[in-house]
Amino acid sequence: MFDALKNIGNIGQLMAKAGEMRQKMEAMQAEMGKRQVTGDAGAGMVTATVNGRLELIKLKIDRERLAVANAEGKTALSQGDFEMLEDLIAAAVRSAQVRAAEMMKDEMSKMAGDMGLPPG
């Protein structure tokens, strides 16, 4: 029981370390909000861009590739084409969000290592 109390003298250091960590986390989150990551689906038919906060920033649909995908070569989309397009949009957004989450995880691991914290 007393072994747990022997480090009580370090509480000031722990509090300072916690404050430093909070400041670094806030700075990193602000920086991540500025970074953008892109994901695509359908061989680039749909491209989604999200920021480090996983917010969708931009969505681009390549009309030329979509027209080629339309079996009849029509420019107007049929019901089946809309369903395919909806699926591609969702897949592109998910792809971008996964990449952004990986970027955030890598940055957090770097920050933890810089602060002498164990990974994870």
PDB file of N, CA and C in Angstrom:
ATOM      1  N   MET A   1       0.823  -1.187   0.000  1.00  0.00           N
ATOM      2  CA  MET A   1       0.000   0.000   0.000  1.00  0.00           C
ATOM      3  C   MET A   1       0.868   1.252   0.000  1.00  0.00           C
ATOM      4  N   PHE A   2       1.941   1.226   0.809  1.00  0.00           N
ATOM      5  CA  PHE A   2       2.803   2.396   0.898  1.00  0.00           C
ATOM      6  C   PHE A   2       3.631   2.593  -0.364  1.00  0.00           C
ATOM      7  N   ASP A   3       3.836   1.514  -1.125  1.00  0.00           N
ATOM      8  CA  ASP A   3       4.570   1.636  -2.387  1.00  0.00           C
ATOM      9  C   ASP A   3       3.823   2.563  -3.346  1.00  0.00           C
ATOM     10  N   ALA A   4       2.516   2.499  -3.325  1.00  0.00           N
ATOM     11  CA  ALA A   4       1.718   3.355  -4.205  1.00  0.00           C
ATOM     12  C   ALA A   4       1.818   4.812  -3.791  1.00  0.00           C
ATOM     13  N   LEU A   5       2.089   5.061  -2.528  1.00  0.00           N
ATOM     14  CA  LEU A   5       2.146   6.436  -2.028  1.00  0.00           C
ATOM     15  C   LEU A   5       3.531   7.054  -2.139  1.00  0.00           C
ATOM     16  N   LYS A   6       4.547   6.256  -2.434  1.00  0.00           N
ATOM     17  CA  LYS A   6       5.906   6.800  -2.455  1.00  0.00           C
ATOM     18  C   LYS A   6       6.125   7.809  -3.579  1.00  0.00           C
ATOM     19  N   ASN A   7       5.317   7.762  -4.607  1.00  0.00           N
ATOM     20  CA  ASN A   7       5.468   8.688  -5.737  1.00  0.00           C
ATOM     21  C   ASN A   7       4.614   9.936  -5.589  1.00  0.00           C
ATOM     22  N   ILE A   8       3.997  10.122  -4.459  1.00  0.00           N
ATOM     23  CA  ILE A   8       3.118  11.283  -4.259  1.00  0.00           C
ATOM     24  C   ILE A   8       3.886  12.590  -4.363  1.00  0.00           C
ATOM     25  N   GLY A   9       5.179  12.539  -4.061  1.00  0.00           N
ATOM     26  CA  GLY A   9       6.006  13.743  -4.187  1.00  0.00           C
ATOM     27  C   GLY A   9       6.158  14.184  -5.629  1.00  0.00           C
ATOM     28  N   ASN A  10       5.908  13.295  -6.567  1.00  0.00           N
ATOM     29  CA  ASN A  10       6.026  13.606  -7.997  1.00  0.00           C
ATOM     30  C   ASN A  10       4.733  14.164  -8.580  1.00  0.00           C
ATOM     31  N   ILE A  11       3.758  14.422  -7.753  1.00  0.00           N
ATOM     32  CA  ILE A  11       2.452  14.865  -8.254  1.00  0.00           C
ATOM     33  C   ILE A  11       2.559  16.198  -9.001  1.00  0.00           C
ATOM     34  N   GLY A  12       3.445  17.055  -8.545  1.00  0.00           N
ATOM     35  CA  GLY A  12       3.643  18.329  -9.251  1.00  0.00           C
ATOM     36  C   GLY A  12       4.181  18.104 -10.651  1.00  0.00           C
ATOM     37  N   GLN A  13       5.120  17.182 -10.769  1.00  0.00           N
ATOM     38  CA  GLN A  13       5.668  16.851 -12.081  1.00  0.00           C
ATOM     39  C   GLN A  13       4.597  16.229 -12.976  1.00  0.00           C
ATOM     40  N   LEU A  14       3.800  15.354 -12.387  1.00  0.00           N
ATOM     41  CA  LEU A  14       2.734  14.716 -13.155  1.00  0.00           C
ATOM     42  C   LEU A  14       1.715  15.732 -13.648  1.00  0.00           C
ATOM     43  N   MET A  15       1.365  16.681 -12.800  1.00  0.00           N
ATOM     44  CA  MET A  15       0.402  17.719 -13.193  1.00  0.00           C
ATOM     45  C   MET A  15       0.982  18.601 -14.300  1.00  0.00           C
ATOM     46  N   ALA A  16       2.252  18.941 -14.182  1.00  0.00           N
ATOM     47  CA  ALA A  16       2.905  19.747 -15.217  1.00  0.00           C
ATOM     48  C   ALA A  16       2.944  18.986 -16.536  1.00  0.00           C
ATOM     49  N   LYS A  17       3.251  17.682 -16.451  1.00  0.00           N
ATOM     50  CA  LYS A  17       3.305  16.837 -17.650  1.00  0.00           C
ATOM     51  C   LYS A  17       1.922  16.735 -18.290  1.00  0.00           C
ATOM     52  N   ALA A  18       0.885  16.622 -17.465  1.00  0.00           N
ATOM     53  CA  ALA A  18      -0.488  16.545 -17.979  1.00  0.00           C
ATOM     54  C   ALA A  18      -0.878  17.849 -18.677  1.00  0.00           C
ATOM     55  N   GLY A  19      -0.500  18.985 -18.100  1.00  0.00           N
ATOM     56  CA  GLY A  19      -0.796  20.276 -18.726  1.00  0.00           C
ATOM     57  C   GLY A  19      -0.065  20.429 -20.045  1.00  0.00           C
ATOM     58  N   GLU A  20       1.186  19.991 -20.062  1.00  0.00           N
ATOM     59  CA  GLU A  20       1.979  20.054 -21.305  1.00  0.00           C
ATOM     60  C   GLU A  20       1.351  19.161 -22.372  1.00  0.00           C
ATOM     61  N   MET A  21       0.929  17.984 -21.955  1.00  0.00           N
ATOM     62  CA  MET A  21       0.308  17.053 -22.895  1.00  0.00           C
ATOM     63  C   MET A  21      -0.988  17.625 -23.463  1.00  0.00           C
ATOM     64  N   ARG A  22      -1.797  18.252 -22.625  1.00  0.00           N
ATOM     65  CA  ARG A  22      -3.052  18.861 -23.083  1.00  0.00           C
ATOM     66  C   ARG A  22      -2.787  19.946 -24.110  1.00  0.00           C
ATOM     67  N   GLN A  23      -1.783  20.797 -23.848  1.00  0.00           N
ATOM     68  CA  GLN A  23      -1.443  21.857 -24.791  1.00  0.00           C
ATOM     69  C   GLN A  23      -0.972  21.285 -26.122  1.00  0.00           C
ATOM     70  N   LYS A  24      -0.144  20.244 -26.054  1.00  0.00           N
ATOM     71  CA  LYS A  24       0.334  19.626 -27.294  1.00  0.00           C
ATOM     72  C   LYS A  24      -0.805  18.976 -28.069  1.00  0.00           C
ATOM     73  N   MET A  25      -1.738  18.361 -27.346  1.00  0.00           N
ATOM     74  CA  MET A  25      -2.888  17.743 -28.007  1.00  0.00           C
ATOM     75  C   MET A  25      -3.749  18.798 -28.707  1.00  0.00           C
ATOM     76  N   GLU A  26      -3.974  19.912 -28.051  1.00  0.00           N
ATOM     77  CA  GLU A  26      -4.770  20.986 -28.653  1.00  0.00           C
ATOM     78  C   GLU A  26      -4.079  21.531 -29.891  1.00  0.00           C
ATOM     79  N   ALA A  27      -2.761  21.709 -29.815  1.00  0.00           N
ATOM     80  CA  ALA A  27      -2.001  22.209 -30.968  1.00  0.00           C
ATOM     81  C   ALA A  27      -2.044  21.201 -32.111  1.00  0.00           C
ATOM     82  N   MET A  28      -1.917  19.924 -31.776  1.00  0.00           N
ATOM     83  CA  MET A  28      -1.943  18.898 -32.804  1.00  0.00           C
ATOM     84  C   MET A  28      -3.323  18.826 -33.458  1.00  0.00           C
ATOM     85  N   GLN A  29      -4.380  18.920 -32.671  1.00  0.00           N
ATOM     86  CA  GLN A  29      -5.728  18.888 -33.236  1.00  0.00           C
ATOM     87  C   GLN A  29      -5.960  20.080 -34.166  1.00  0.00           C
ATOM     88  N   ALA A  30      -5.452  21.230 -33.792  1.00  0.00           N
ATOM     89  CA  ALA A  30      -5.583  22.404 -34.664  1.00  0.00           C
ATOM     90  C   ALA A  30      -4.828  22.185 -35.969  1.00  0.00           C
ATOM     91  N   GLU A  31      -3.634  21.614 -35.865  1.00  0.00           N
ATOM     92  CA  GLU A  31      -2.829  21.330 -37.055  1.00  0.00           C
ATOM     93  C   GLU A  31      -3.512  20.282 -37.932  1.00  0.00           C
ATOM     94  N   MET A  32      -4.070  19.251 -37.317  1.00  0.00           N
ATOM     95  CA  MET A  32      -4.756  18.198 -38.077  1.00  0.00           C
ATOM     96  C   MET A  32      -5.968  18.758 -38.810  1.00  0.00           C
ATOM     97  N   GLY A  33      -6.625  19.728 -38.210  1.00  0.00           N
ATOM     98  CA  GLY A  33      -7.773  20.348 -38.858  1.00  0.00           C
ATOM     99  C   GLY A  33      -7.392  21.073 -40.137  1.00  0.00           C
ATOM    100  N   LYS A  34      -6.141  21.473 -40.246  1.00  0.00           N
ATOM    101  CA  LYS A  34      -5.660  22.166 -41.448  1.00  0.00           C
ATOM    102  C   LYS A  34      -5.214  21.191 -42.538  1.00  0.00           C
ATOM    103  N   ARG A  35      -4.808  20.003 -42.139  1.00  0.00           N
ATOM    104  CA  ARG A  35      -4.335  19.013 -43.113  1.00  0.00           C
ATOM    105  C   ARG A  35      -5.511  18.367 -43.827  1.00  0.00           C
ATOM    106  N   GLN A  36      -5.272  18.004 -45.081  1.00  0.00           N
ATOM    107  CA  GLN A  36      -6.315  17.374 -45.875  1.00  0.00           C
ATOM    108  C   GLN A  36      -5.801  16.067 -46.456  1.00  0.00           C
ATOM    109  N   VAL A  37      -6.688  15.086 -46.515  1.00  0.00           N
ATOM    110  CA  VAL A  37      -6.366  13.769 -47.041  1.00  0.00           C
ATOM    111  C   VAL A  37      -7.436  13.411 -48.056  1.00  0.00           C
ATOM    112  N   THR A  38      -7.011  12.770 -49.136  1.00  0.00           N
ATOM    113  CA  THR A  38      -7.942  12.417 -50.205  1.00  0.00           C
ATOM    114  C   THR A  38      -8.053  10.909 -50.342  1.00  0.00           C
ATOM    115  N   GLY A  39      -9.253  10.454 -50.598  1.00  0.00           N
ATOM    116  CA  GLY A  39      -9.517   9.050 -50.897  1.00  0.00           C
ATOM    117  C   GLY A  39     -10.384   8.987 -52.139  1.00  0.00           C
ATOM    118  N   ASP A  40     -10.329   7.853 -52.847  1.00  0.00           N
ATOM    119  CA  ASP A  40     -11.137   7.750 -54.061  1.00  0.00           C
ATOM    120  C   ASP A  40     -11.788   6.380 -54.148  1.00  0.00           C
ATOM    121  N   ALA A  41     -12.705   6.275 -55.079  1.00  0.00           N
ATOM    122  CA  ALA A  41     -13.394   5.010 -55.347  1.00  0.00           C
ATOM    123  C   ALA A  41     -13.707   4.951 -56.835  1.00  0.00           C
ATOM    124  N   GLY A  42     -13.887   3.733 -57.324  1.00  0.00           N
ATOM    125  CA  GLY A  42     -14.214   3.568 -58.735  1.00  0.00           C
ATOM    126  C   GLY A  42     -13.089   4.013 -59.639  1.00  0.00           C
ATOM    127  N   ALA A  43     -11.867   3.679 -59.262  1.00  0.00           N
ATOM    128  CA  ALA A  43     -10.678   4.048 -60.051  1.00  0.00           C
ATOM    129  C   ALA A  43     -10.622   5.552 -60.313  1.00  0.00           C
ATOM    130  N   GLY A  44     -10.969   6.314 -59.291  1.00  0.00           N
ATOM    131  CA  GLY A  44     -10.887   7.765 -59.406  1.00  0.00           C
ATOM    132  C   GLY A  44     -12.152   8.429 -59.901  1.00  0.00           C
ATOM    133  N   MET A  45     -13.206   7.644 -60.076  1.00  0.00           N
ATOM    134  CA  MET A  45     -14.470   8.225 -60.535  1.00  0.00           C
ATOM    135  C   MET A  45     -15.011   9.229 -59.520  1.00  0.00           C
ATOM    136  N   VAL A  46     -14.821   8.894 -58.227  1.00  0.00           N
ATOM    137  CA  VAL A  46     -15.263   9.775 -57.141  1.00  0.00           C
ATOM    138  C   VAL A  46     -14.085   9.987 -56.211  1.00  0.00           C
ATOM    139  N   THR A  47     -13.810  11.239 -55.886  1.00  0.00           N
ATOM    140  CA  THR A  47     -12.719  11.590 -54.985  1.00  0.00           C
ATOM    141  C   THR A  47     -13.283  12.426 -53.851  1.00  0.00           C
ATOM    142  N   ALA A  48     -12.918  12.041 -52.621  1.00  0.00           N
ATOM    143  CA  ALA A  48     -13.373  12.769 -51.432  1.00  0.00           C
ATOM    144  C   ALA A  48     -12.150  13.288 -50.686  1.00  0.00           C
ATOM    145  N   THR A  49     -12.259  14.496 -50.166  1.00  0.00           N
ATOM    146  CA  THR A  49     -11.192  15.090 -49.370  1.00  0.00           C
ATOM    147  C   THR A  49     -11.751  15.413 -48.002  1.00  0.00           C
ATOM    148  N   VAL A  50     -11.062  14.937 -46.963  1.00  0.00           N
ATOM    149  CA  VAL A  50     -11.446  15.225 -45.588  1.00  0.00           C
ATOM    150  C   VAL A  50     -10.270  15.869 -44.875  1.00  0.00           C
ATOM    151  N   ASN A  51     -10.572  16.566 -43.776  1.00  0.00           N
ATOM    152  CA  ASN A  51      -9.482  17.127 -42.977  1.00  0.00           C
ATOM    153  C   ASN A  51      -9.147  16.157 -41.851  1.00  0.00           C
ATOM    154  N   GLY A  52      -8.179  16.529 -41.046  1.00  0.00           N
ATOM    155  CA  GLY A  52      -7.740  15.672 -39.959  1.00  0.00           C
ATOM    156  C   GLY A  52      -8.785  15.454 -38.881  1.00  0.00           C
ATOM    157  N   ARG A  53      -9.849  16.215 -38.913  1.00  0.00           N
ATOM    158  CA  ARG A  53     -10.965  16.012 -37.977  1.00  0.00           C
ATOM    159  C   ARG A  53     -12.043  15.130 -38.580  1.00  0.00           C
ATOM    160  N   LEU A  54     -11.721  14.531 -39.735  1.00  0.00           N
ATOM    161  CA  LEU A  54     -12.603  13.630 -40.472  1.00  0.00           C
ATOM    162  C   LEU A  54     -13.811  14.336 -41.077  1.00  0.00           C
ATOM    163  N   GLU A  55     -13.737  15.641 -41.231  1.00  0.00           N
ATOM    164  CA  GLU A  55     -14.828  16.415 -41.836  1.00  0.00           C
ATOM    165  C   GLU A  55     -14.651  16.435 -43.356  1.00  0.00           C
ATOM    166  N   LEU A  56     -15.725  16.161 -44.076  1.00  0.00           N
ATOM    167  CA  LEU A  56     -15.692  16.186 -45.530  1.00  0.00           C
ATOM    168  C   LEU A  56     -15.506  17.623 -45.997  1.00  0.00           C
ATOM    169  N   ILE A  57     -14.449  17.850 -46.764  1.00  0.00           N
ATOM    170  CA  ILE A  57     -14.122  19.188 -47.259  1.00  0.00           C
ATOM    171  C   ILE A  57     -14.549  19.355 -48.711  1.00  0.00           C
ATOM    172  N   LYS A  58     -14.332  18.303 -49.499  1.00  0.00           N
ATOM    173  CA  LYS A  58     -14.575  18.416 -50.938  1.00  0.00           C
ATOM    174  C   LYS A  58     -14.972  17.047 -51.487  1.00  0.00           C
ATOM    175  N   LEU A  59     -15.861  17.053 -52.462  1.00  0.00           N
ATOM    176  CA  LEU A  59     -16.273  15.843 -53.152  1.00  0.00           C
ATOM    177  C   LEU A  59     -16.230  16.128 -54.644  1.00  0.00           C
ATOM    178  N   LYS A  60     -15.519  15.285 -55.385  1.00  0.00           N
ATOM    179  CA  LYS A  60     -15.397  15.501 -56.832  1.00  0.00           C
ATOM    180  C   LYS A  60     -15.854  14.243 -57.554  1.00  0.00           C
ATOM    181  N   ILE A  61     -16.688  14.445 -58.555  1.00  0.00           N
ATOM    182  CA  ILE A  61     -17.152  13.348 -59.395  1.00  0.00           C
ATOM    183  C   ILE A  61     -16.604  13.600 -60.795  1.00  0.00           C
ATOM    184  N   ASP A  62     -15.815  12.659 -61.289  1.00  0.00           N
ATOM    185  CA  ASP A  62     -15.228  12.781 -62.622  1.00  0.00           C
ATOM    186  C   ASP A  62     -16.293  12.392 -63.641  1.00  0.00           C
ATOM    187  N   ARG A  63     -16.898  13.380 -64.245  1.00  0.00           N
ATOM    188  CA  ARG A  63     -18.026  13.141 -65.160  1.00  0.00           C
ATOM    189  C   ARG A  63     -17.614  12.331 -66.382  1.00  0.00           C
ATOM    190  N   GLU A  64     -16.387  12.530 -66.845  1.00  0.00           N
ATOM    191  CA  GLU A  64     -15.927  11.780 -68.014  1.00  0.00           C
ATOM    192  C   GLU A  64     -15.822  10.293 -67.704  1.00  0.00           C
ATOM    193  N   ARG A  65     -15.248   9.956 -66.555  1.00  0.00           N
ATOM    194  CA  ARG A  65     -15.138   8.544 -66.185  1.00  0.00           C
ATOM    195  C   ARG A  65     -16.514   7.954 -65.908  1.00  0.00           C
ATOM    196  N   LEU A  66     -17.400   8.742 -65.345  1.00  0.00           N
ATOM    197  CA  LEU A  66     -18.746   8.267 -65.068  1.00  0.00           C
ATOM    198  C   LEU A  66     -19.494   7.996 -66.373  1.00  0.00           C
ATOM    199  N   ALA A  67     -19.306   8.851 -67.372  1.00  0.00           N
ATOM    200  CA  ALA A  67     -19.955   8.662 -68.667  1.00  0.00           C
ATOM    201  C   ALA A  67     -19.443   7.395 -69.333  1.00  0.00           C
ATOM    202  N   VAL A  68     -18.152   7.101 -69.177  1.00  0.00           N
ATOM    203  CA  VAL A  68     -17.597   5.878 -69.741  1.00  0.00           C
ATOM    204  C   VAL A  68     -18.191   4.672 -69.023  1.00  0.00           C
ATOM    205  N   ALA A  69     -18.429   4.794 -67.728  1.00  0.00           N
ATOM    206  CA  ALA A  69     -18.985   3.693 -66.951  1.00  0.00           C
ATOM    207  C   ALA A  69     -20.428   3.415 -67.331  1.00  0.00           C
ATOM    208  N   ASN A  70     -21.116   4.416 -67.866  1.00  0.00           N
ATOM    209  CA  ASN A  70     -22.495   4.241 -68.286  1.00  0.00           C
ATOM    210  C   ASN A  70     -22.495   3.380 -69.552  1.00  0.00           C
ATOM    211  N   ALA A  71     -23.056   2.202 -69.467  1.00  0.00           N
ATOM    212  CA  ALA A  71     -22.991   1.225 -70.557  1.00  0.00           C
ATOM    213  C   ALA A  71     -23.581   1.755 -71.859  1.00  0.00           C
ATOM    214  N   GLU A  72     -24.576   2.588 -71.787  1.00  0.00           N
ATOM    215  CA  GLU A  72     -25.231   3.089 -72.987  1.00  0.00           C
ATOM    216  C   GLU A  72     -24.611   4.384 -73.482  1.00  0.00           C
ATOM    217  N   GLY A  73     -23.631   4.912 -72.763  1.00  0.00           N
ATOM    218  CA  GLY A  73     -22.973   6.141 -73.189  1.00  0.00           C
ATOM    219  C   GLY A  73     -23.817   7.381 -72.995  1.00  0.00           C
ATOM    220  N   LYS A  74     -24.899   7.277 -72.249  1.00  0.00           N
ATOM    221  CA  LYS A  74     -25.763   8.427 -72.014  1.00  0.00           C
ATOM    222  C   LYS A  74     -25.113   9.363 -71.000  1.00  0.00           C
ATOM    223  N   THR A  75     -25.448  10.623 -71.103  1.00  0.00           N
ATOM    224  CA  THR A  75     -24.953  11.577 -70.117  1.00  0.00           C
ATOM    225  C   THR A  75     -25.883  11.653 -68.915  1.00  0.00           C
ATOM    226  N   ALA A  76     -27.163  11.355 -69.124  1.00  0.00           N
ATOM    227  CA  ALA A  76     -28.106  11.340 -68.000  1.00  0.00           C
ATOM    228  C   ALA A  76     -27.944  10.026 -67.249  1.00  0.00           C
ATOM    229  N   LEU A  77     -28.101  10.081 -65.940  1.00  0.00           N
ATOM    230  CA  LEU A  77     -27.916   8.889 -65.126  1.00  0.00           C
ATOM    231  C   LEU A  77     -29.227   8.137 -64.947  1.00  0.00           C
ATOM    232  N   SER A  78     -29.172   6.828 -65.100  1.00  0.00           N
ATOM    233  CA  SER A  78     -30.349   6.004 -64.829  1.00  0.00           C
ATOM    234  C   SER A  78     -30.396   5.715 -63.329  1.00  0.00           C
ATOM    235  N   GLN A  79     -31.462   5.073 -62.884  1.00  0.00           N
ATOM    236  CA  GLN A  79     -31.611   4.766 -61.456  1.00  0.00           C
ATOM    237  C   GLN A  79     -30.438   3.909 -60.973  1.00  0.00           C
ATOM    238  N   GLY A  80     -30.044   2.913 -61.737  1.00  0.00           N
ATOM    239  CA  GLY A  80     -28.927   2.056 -61.372  1.00  0.00           C
ATOM    240  C   GLY A  80     -27.626   2.835 -61.261  1.00  0.00           C
ATOM    241  N   ASP A  81     -27.472   3.813 -62.138  1.00  0.00           N
ATOM    242  CA  ASP A  81     -26.263   4.638 -62.094  1.00  0.00           C
ATOM    243  C   ASP A  81     -26.219   5.474 -60.820  1.00  0.00           C
ATOM    244  N   PHE A  82     -27.376   5.975 -60.391  1.00  0.00           N
ATOM    245  CA  PHE A  82     -27.431   6.759 -59.151  1.00  0.00           C
ATOM    246  C   PHE A  82     -27.035   5.900 -57.951  1.00  0.00           C
ATOM    247  N   GLU A  83     -27.518   4.665 -57.941  1.00  0.00           N
ATOM    248  CA  GLU A  83     -27.161   3.767 -56.843  1.00  0.00           C
ATOM    249  C   GLU A  83     -25.664   3.490 -56.834  1.00  0.00           C
ATOM    250  N   MET A  84     -25.098   3.274 -58.015  1.00  0.00           N
ATOM    251  CA  MET A  84     -23.664   3.051 -58.115  1.00  0.00           C
ATOM    252  C   MET A  84     -22.905   4.300 -57.651  1.00  0.00           C
ATOM    253  N   LEU A  85     -23.364   5.456 -58.070  1.00  0.00           N
ATOM    254  CA  LEU A  85     -22.719   6.709 -57.696  1.00  0.00           C
ATOM    255  C   LEU A  85     -22.789   6.929 -56.186  1.00  0.00           C
ATOM    256  N   GLU A  86     -23.936   6.644 -55.585  1.00  0.00           N
ATOM    257  CA  GLU A  86     -24.069   6.766 -54.128  1.00  0.00           C
ATOM    258  C   GLU A  86     -23.086   5.849 -53.411  1.00  0.00           C
ATOM    259  N   ASP A  87     -22.950   4.621 -53.912  1.00  0.00           N
ATOM    260  CA  ASP A  87     -22.000   3.674 -53.321  1.00  0.00           C
ATOM    261  C   ASP A  87     -20.567   4.177 -53.472  1.00  0.00           C
ATOM    262  N   LEU A  88     -20.245   4.719 -54.626  1.00  0.00           N
ATOM    263  CA  LEU A  88     -18.890   5.239 -54.861  1.00  0.00           C
ATOM    264  C   LEU A  88     -18.585   6.434 -53.960  1.00  0.00           C
ATOM    265  N   ILE A  89     -19.573   7.297 -53.774  1.00  0.00           N
ATOM    266  CA  ILE A  89     -19.380   8.459 -52.893  1.00  0.00           C
ATOM    267  C   ILE A  89     -19.110   7.985 -51.468  1.00  0.00           C
ATOM    268  N   ALA A  90     -19.924   7.063 -50.987  1.00  0.00           N
ATOM    269  CA  ALA A  90     -19.723   6.549 -49.627  1.00  0.00           C
ATOM    270  C   ALA A  90     -18.361   5.891 -49.491  1.00  0.00           C
ATOM    271  N   ALA A  91     -17.947   5.118 -50.485  1.00  0.00           N
ATOM    272  CA  ALA A  91     -16.652   4.439 -50.432  1.00  0.00           C
ATOM    273  C   ALA A  91     -15.496   5.435 -50.463  1.00  0.00           C
ATOM    274  N   ALA A  92     -15.615   6.475 -51.270  1.00  0.00           N
ATOM    275  CA  ALA A  92     -14.553   7.483 -51.343  1.00  0.00           C
ATOM    276  C   ALA A  92     -14.424   8.242 -50.029  1.00  0.00           C
ATOM    277  N   VAL A  93     -15.549   8.584 -49.423  1.00  0.00           N
ATOM    278  CA  VAL A  93     -15.518   9.294 -48.134  1.00  0.00           C
ATOM    279  C   VAL A  93     -14.908   8.397 -47.068  1.00  0.00           C
ATOM    280  N   ARG A  94     -15.321   7.125 -47.029  1.00  0.00           N
ATOM    281  CA  ARG A  94     -14.735   6.185 -46.053  1.00  0.00           C
ATOM    282  C   ARG A  94     -13.235   6.054 -46.254  1.00  0.00           C
ATOM    283  N   SER A  95     -12.800   5.954 -47.495  1.00  0.00           N
ATOM    284  CA  SER A  95     -11.373   5.830 -47.800  1.00  0.00           C
ATOM    285  C   SER A  95     -10.594   7.031 -47.284  1.00  0.00           C
ATOM    286  N   ALA A  96     -11.111   8.214 -47.523  1.00  0.00           N
ATOM    287  CA  ALA A  96     -10.443   9.431 -47.058  1.00  0.00           C
ATOM    288  C   ALA A  96     -10.431   9.497 -45.533  1.00  0.00           C
ATOM    289  N   GLN A  97     -11.529   9.109 -44.901  1.00  0.00           N
ATOM    290  CA  GLN A  97     -11.600   9.138 -43.438  1.00  0.00           C
ATOM    291  C   GLN A  97     -10.629   8.140 -42.814  1.00  0.00           C
ATOM    292  N   VAL A  98     -10.493   6.972 -43.410  1.00  0.00           N
ATOM    293  CA  VAL A  98      -9.537   5.980 -42.903  1.00  0.00           C
ATOM    294  C   VAL A  98      -8.116   6.535 -42.996  1.00  0.00           C
ATOM    295  N   ARG A  99      -7.794   7.152 -44.123  1.00  0.00           N
ATOM    296  CA  ARG A  99      -6.451   7.740 -44.288  1.00  0.00           C
ATOM    297  C   ARG A  99      -6.210   8.859 -43.280  1.00  0.00           C
ATOM    298  N   ALA A 100      -7.212   9.675 -43.042  1.00  0.00           N
ATOM    299  CA  ALA A 100      -7.069  10.767 -42.072  1.00  0.00           C
ATOM    300  C   ALA A 100      -6.906  10.211 -40.658  1.00  0.00           C
ATOM    301  N   ALA A 101      -7.651   9.167 -40.332  1.00  0.00           N
ATOM    302  CA  ALA A 101      -7.536   8.553 -39.005  1.00  0.00           C
ATOM    303  C   ALA A 101      -6.152   7.946 -38.811  1.00  0.00           C
ATOM    304  N   GLU A 102      -5.608   7.333 -39.856  1.00  0.00           N
ATOM    305  CA  GLU A 102      -4.254   6.776 -39.779  1.00  0.00           C
ATOM    306  C   GLU A 102      -3.227   7.888 -39.587  1.00  0.00           C
ATOM    307  N   MET A 103      -3.424   9.006 -40.284  1.00  0.00           N
ATOM    308  CA  MET A 103      -2.527  10.143 -40.132  1.00  0.00           C
ATOM    309  C   MET A 103      -2.565  10.651 -38.691  1.00  0.00           C
ATOM    310  N   MET A 104      -3.757  10.760 -38.121  1.00  0.00           N
ATOM    311  CA  MET A 104      -3.909  11.226 -36.748  1.00  0.00           C
ATOM    312  C   MET A 104      -3.254  10.248 -35.777  1.00  0.00           C
ATOM    313  N   LYS A 105      -3.440   8.965 -35.991  1.00  0.00           N
ATOM    314  CA  LYS A 105      -2.841   7.949 -35.128  1.00  0.00           C
ATOM    315  C   LYS A 105      -1.316   8.048 -35.172  1.00  0.00           C
ATOM    316  N   ASP A 106      -0.757   8.213 -36.364  1.00  0.00           N
ATOM    317  CA  ASP A 106       0.699   8.347 -36.495  1.00  0.00           C
ATOM    318  C   ASP A 106       1.207   9.575 -35.752  1.00  0.00           C
ATOM    319  N   GLU A 107       0.500  10.679 -35.882  1.00  0.00           N
ATOM    320  CA  GLU A 107       0.915  11.913 -35.209  1.00  0.00           C
ATOM    321  C   GLU A 107       0.830  11.772 -33.694  1.00  0.00           C
ATOM    322  N   MET A 108      -0.213  11.099 -33.224  1.00  0.00           N
ATOM    323  CA  MET A 108      -0.357  10.905 -31.781  1.00  0.00           C
ATOM    324  C   MET A 108       0.745   9.993 -31.243  1.00  0.00           C
ATOM    325  N   SER A 109       1.118   8.982 -32.020  1.00  0.00           N
ATOM    326  CA  SER A 109       2.205   8.093 -31.609  1.00  0.00           C
ATOM    327  C   SER A 109       3.524   8.851 -31.524  1.00  0.00           C
ATOM    328  N   LYS A 110       3.766   9.712 -32.499  1.00  0.00           N
ATOM    329  CA  LYS A 110       4.985  10.537 -32.480  1.00  0.00           C
ATOM    330  C   LYS A 110       5.002  11.435 -31.245  1.00  0.00           C
ATOM    331  N   MET A 111       3.866  12.068 -30.983  1.00  0.00           N
ATOM    332  CA  MET A 111       3.789  12.972 -29.842  1.00  0.00           C
ATOM    333  C   MET A 111       4.012  12.211 -28.539  1.00  0.00           C
ATOM    334  N   ALA A 112       3.405  11.040 -28.408  1.00  0.00           N
ATOM    335  CA  ALA A 112       3.577  10.233 -27.196  1.00  0.00           C
ATOM    336  C   ALA A 112       5.033   9.831 -27.032  1.00  0.00           C
ATOM    337  N   GLY A 113       5.684   9.453 -28.123  1.00  0.00           N
ATOM    338  CA  GLY A 113       7.104   9.101 -28.055  1.00  0.00           C
ATOM    339  C   GLY A 113       7.963  10.278 -27.664  1.00  0.00           C
ATOM    340  N   ASP A 114       7.654  11.439 -28.187  1.00  0.00           N
ATOM    341  CA  ASP A 114       8.411  12.655 -27.844  1.00  0.00           C
ATOM    342  C   ASP A 114       8.278  12.997 -26.355  1.00  0.00           C
ATOM    343  N   MET A 115       7.150  12.632 -25.776  1.00  0.00           N
ATOM    344  CA  MET A 115       6.915  12.935 -24.374  1.00  0.00           C
ATOM    345  C   MET A 115       7.366  11.802 -23.450  1.00  0.00           C
ATOM    346  N   GLY A 116       7.926  10.745 -24.050  1.00  0.00           N
ATOM    347  CA  GLY A 116       8.398   9.628 -23.243  1.00  0.00           C
ATOM    348  C   GLY A 116       7.315   8.698 -22.772  1.00  0.00           C
ATOM    349  N   LEU A 117       6.152   8.744 -23.431  1.00  0.00           N
ATOM    350  CA  LEU A 117       5.045   7.870 -23.050  1.00  0.00           C
ATOM    351  C   LEU A 117       5.123   6.581 -23.859  1.00  0.00           C
ATOM    352  N   PRO A 118       4.639   5.475 -23.314  1.00  0.00           N
ATOM    353  CA  PRO A 118       4.662   4.222 -24.057  1.00  0.00           C
ATOM    354  C   PRO A 118       3.675   4.275 -25.220  1.00  0.00           C
ATOM    355  N   PRO A 119       3.949   3.553 -26.304  1.00  0.00           N
ATOM    356  CA  PRO A 119       3.023   3.553 -27.433  1.00  0.00           C
ATOM    357  C   PRO A 119       1.672   2.977 -27.039  1.00  0.00           C
ATOM    358  N   GLY A 120       0.628   3.432 -27.747  1.00  0.00           N
ATOM    359  CA  GLY A 120      -0.717   2.916 -27.482  1.00  0.00           C
ATOM    360  C   GLY A 120      -1.412   3.719 -26.444  1.00  0.00           C
TER     361      GLY A 120
END
